[in-house]
Amino acid sequence: MQAMTLNEAVQDLLNVIDKVNENHEPLIVTHEHHKPAVIMSLDDFNAWQETAYLTRSSANTKDLLEAVEEIRLRKNLVQHELVDTL
C-alpha cells in the first residue's frame, strides 16, 4: 500500500481519487501531527463493508468458506439450460 503526505494528496486530490478508483489500491495519507488515514474507492469500501457484515457470524463465515471450496472443487454445481424467450 502506498503512502502520501496530506499536502501531497491535497495538491493532487483529483488524480489521487482517480488512481484509487482505477487500481483498487488504498492510499495511506500521513501528517506529522495527526494519525494516518486511508483513501479508498467507494466500490472497494462497500465490498469491504459487505465482507465484514457477512463474516460477522462465525457460522456464516464457515458456510461461506465451505461454499467457496465447493466451487473451487466444482462440487454441487447446478447446470441450467437457457430458455429462449423470443
C-alpha atoms as a PDB file:
ATOM      1  CA  MET A   1       0.000   0.000   0.000  1.00  0.00           C
ATOM      2  CA  GLN A   2       1.412   3.363  -0.977  1.00  0.00           C
ATOM      3  CA  ALA A   3       1.584   6.384   1.301  1.00  0.00           C
ATOM      4  CA  MET A   4       1.479  10.099   0.638  1.00  0.00           C
ATOM      5  CA  THR A   5       1.608  13.160   2.847  1.00  0.00           C
ATOM      6  CA  LEU A   6      -1.545  15.185   3.361  1.00  0.00           C
ATOM      7  CA  ASN A   7      -0.025  18.126   1.492  1.00  0.00           C
ATOM      8  CA  GLU A   8       0.824  15.911  -1.498  1.00  0.00           C
ATOM      9  CA  ALA A   9      -2.667  14.397  -1.504  1.00  0.00           C
ATOM     10  CA  VAL A  10      -4.385  17.790  -1.342  1.00  0.00           C
ATOM     11  CA  GLN A  11      -2.260  19.187  -4.178  1.00  0.00           C
ATOM     12  CA  ASP A  12      -3.207  16.269  -6.446  1.00  0.00           C
ATOM     13  CA  LEU A  13      -6.554  15.173  -4.980  1.00  0.00           C
ATOM     14  CA  LEU A  14      -8.429  14.562  -8.252  1.00  0.00           C
ATOM     15  CA  ASN A  15      -5.617  12.340  -9.527  1.00  0.00           C
ATOM     16  CA  VAL A  16      -5.445  10.553  -6.158  1.00  0.00           C
ATOM     17  CA  ILE A  17      -9.179   9.823  -6.358  1.00  0.00           C
ATOM     18  CA  ASP A  18      -8.872   8.616  -9.959  1.00  0.00           C
ATOM     19  CA  LYS A  19      -5.913   6.391  -9.053  1.00  0.00           C
ATOM     20  CA  VAL A  20      -7.587   4.631  -6.098  1.00  0.00           C
ATOM     21  CA  ASN A  21     -10.675   4.036  -8.237  1.00  0.00           C
ATOM     22  CA  GLU A  22      -8.694   2.685 -11.195  1.00  0.00           C
ATOM     23  CA  ASN A  23      -6.204   0.417  -9.415  1.00  0.00           C
ATOM     24  CA  HIS A  24      -8.320  -0.514  -6.363  1.00  0.00           C
ATOM     25  CA  GLU A  25      -5.327   0.097  -4.097  1.00  0.00           C
ATOM     26  CA  PRO A  26      -5.977   2.158  -0.960  1.00  0.00           C
ATOM     27  CA  LEU A  27      -3.682   5.086  -0.225  1.00  0.00           C
ATOM     28  CA  ILE A  28      -2.375   5.966   3.243  1.00  0.00           C
ATOM     29  CA  VAL A  29      -2.380   9.708   3.917  1.00  0.00           C
ATOM     30  CA  THR A  30       0.051  10.853   6.599  1.00  0.00           C
ATOM     31  CA  HIS A  31       0.558  14.052   8.579  1.00  0.00           C
ATOM     32  CA  GLU A  32       3.217  14.513  11.210  1.00  0.00           C
ATOM     33  CA  HIS A  33       0.801  15.836  13.856  1.00  0.00           C
ATOM     34  CA  HIS A  34      -2.152  13.509  13.185  1.00  0.00           C
ATOM     35  CA  LYS A  35      -2.865   9.809  12.847  1.00  0.00           C
ATOM     36  CA  PRO A  36      -2.704   8.413   9.297  1.00  0.00           C
ATOM     37  CA  ALA A  37      -5.898   7.863   7.321  1.00  0.00           C
ATOM     38  CA  VAL A  38      -6.778   5.807   4.256  1.00  0.00           C
ATOM     39  CA  ILE A  39      -8.339   6.886   0.965  1.00  0.00           C
ATOM     40  CA  MET A  40     -10.024   4.095  -0.975  1.00  0.00           C
ATOM     41  CA  SER A  41     -12.630   3.793  -3.718  1.00  0.00           C
ATOM     42  CA  LEU A  42     -16.277   3.705  -2.697  1.00  0.00           C
ATOM     43  CA  ASP A  43     -16.722   0.378  -4.526  1.00  0.00           C
ATOM     44  CA  ASP A  44     -13.870  -1.166  -2.521  1.00  0.00           C
ATOM     45  CA  PHE A  45     -15.192   0.310   0.722  1.00  0.00           C
ATOM     46  CA  ASN A  46     -18.674  -1.095   0.048  1.00  0.00           C
ATOM     47  CA  ALA A  47     -17.202  -4.529  -0.740  1.00  0.00           C
ATOM     48  CA  TRP A  48     -15.164  -4.380   2.473  1.00  0.00           C
ATOM     49  CA  GLN A  49     -18.275  -3.435   4.463  1.00  0.00           C
ATOM     50  CA  GLU A  50     -20.258  -6.292   2.898  1.00  0.00           C
ATOM     51  CA  THR A  51     -17.495  -8.786   3.679  1.00  0.00           C
ATOM     52  CA  ALA A  52     -17.303  -7.547   7.266  1.00  0.00           C
ATOM     53  CA  TYR A  53     -21.071  -7.911   7.608  1.00  0.00           C
ATOM     54  CA  LEU A  54     -21.160 -11.406   6.085  1.00  0.00           C
ATOM     55  CA  THR A  55     -18.293 -12.677   8.219  1.00  0.00           C
ATOM     56  CA  ARG A  56     -19.530 -11.193  11.494  1.00  0.00           C
ATOM     57  CA  SER A  57     -21.027 -14.565  12.412  1.00  0.00           C
ATOM     58  CA  SER A  58     -18.583 -17.483  12.694  1.00  0.00           C
ATOM     59  CA  ALA A  59     -21.285 -19.855  11.406  1.00  0.00           C
ATOM     60  CA  ASN A  60     -21.844 -17.700   8.326  1.00  0.00           C
ATOM     61  CA  THR A  61     -18.092 -17.447   7.748  1.00  0.00           C
ATOM     62  CA  LYS A  62     -17.820 -21.239   7.893  1.00  0.00           C
ATOM     63  CA  ASP A  63     -20.701 -21.647   5.409  1.00  0.00           C
ATOM     64  CA  LEU A  64     -19.177 -19.110   3.011  1.00  0.00           C
ATOM     65  CA  LEU A  65     -15.747 -20.755   3.127  1.00  0.00           C
ATOM     66  CA  GLU A  66     -17.305 -24.177   2.511  1.00  0.00           C
ATOM     67  CA  ALA A  67     -19.251 -22.801  -0.463  1.00  0.00           C
ATOM     68  CA  VAL A  68     -16.095 -21.260  -1.933  1.00  0.00           C
ATOM     69  CA  GLU A  69     -14.255 -24.573  -1.520  1.00  0.00           C
ATOM     70  CA  GLU A  70     -17.111 -26.464  -3.214  1.00  0.00           C
ATOM     71  CA  ILE A  71     -16.956 -24.077  -6.157  1.00  0.00           C
ATOM     72  CA  ARG A  72     -13.179 -24.489  -6.330  1.00  0.00           C
ATOM     73  CA  LEU A  73     -13.602 -28.272  -6.372  1.00  0.00           C
ATOM     74  CA  ARG A  74     -16.535 -27.963  -8.812  1.00  0.00           C
ATOM     75  CA  LYS A  75     -18.831 -29.791  -6.378  1.00  0.00           C
ATOM     76  CA  ASN A  76     -22.592 -29.297  -6.193  1.00  0.00           C
ATOM     77  CA  LEU A  77     -22.679 -27.193  -9.345  1.00  0.00           C
ATOM     78  CA  VAL A  78     -26.084 -26.999 -10.981  1.00  0.00           C
ATOM     79  CA  GLN A  79     -26.288 -26.605 -14.718  1.00  0.00           C
ATOM     80  CA  HIS A  80     -29.301 -24.770 -16.081  1.00  0.00           C
ATOM     81  CA  GLU A  81     -30.413 -24.635 -19.682  1.00  0.00           C
ATOM     82  CA  LEU A  82     -31.032 -21.217 -21.113  1.00  0.00           C
ATOM     83  CA  VAL A  83     -34.567 -20.863 -22.399  1.00  0.00           C
ATOM     84  CA  ASP A  84     -35.098 -18.720 -25.456  1.00  0.00           C
ATOM     85  CA  THR A  85     -37.966 -16.392 -24.599  1.00  0.00           C
ATOM     86  CA  LEU A  86     -38.244 -14.824 -28.031  1.00  0.00           C
END
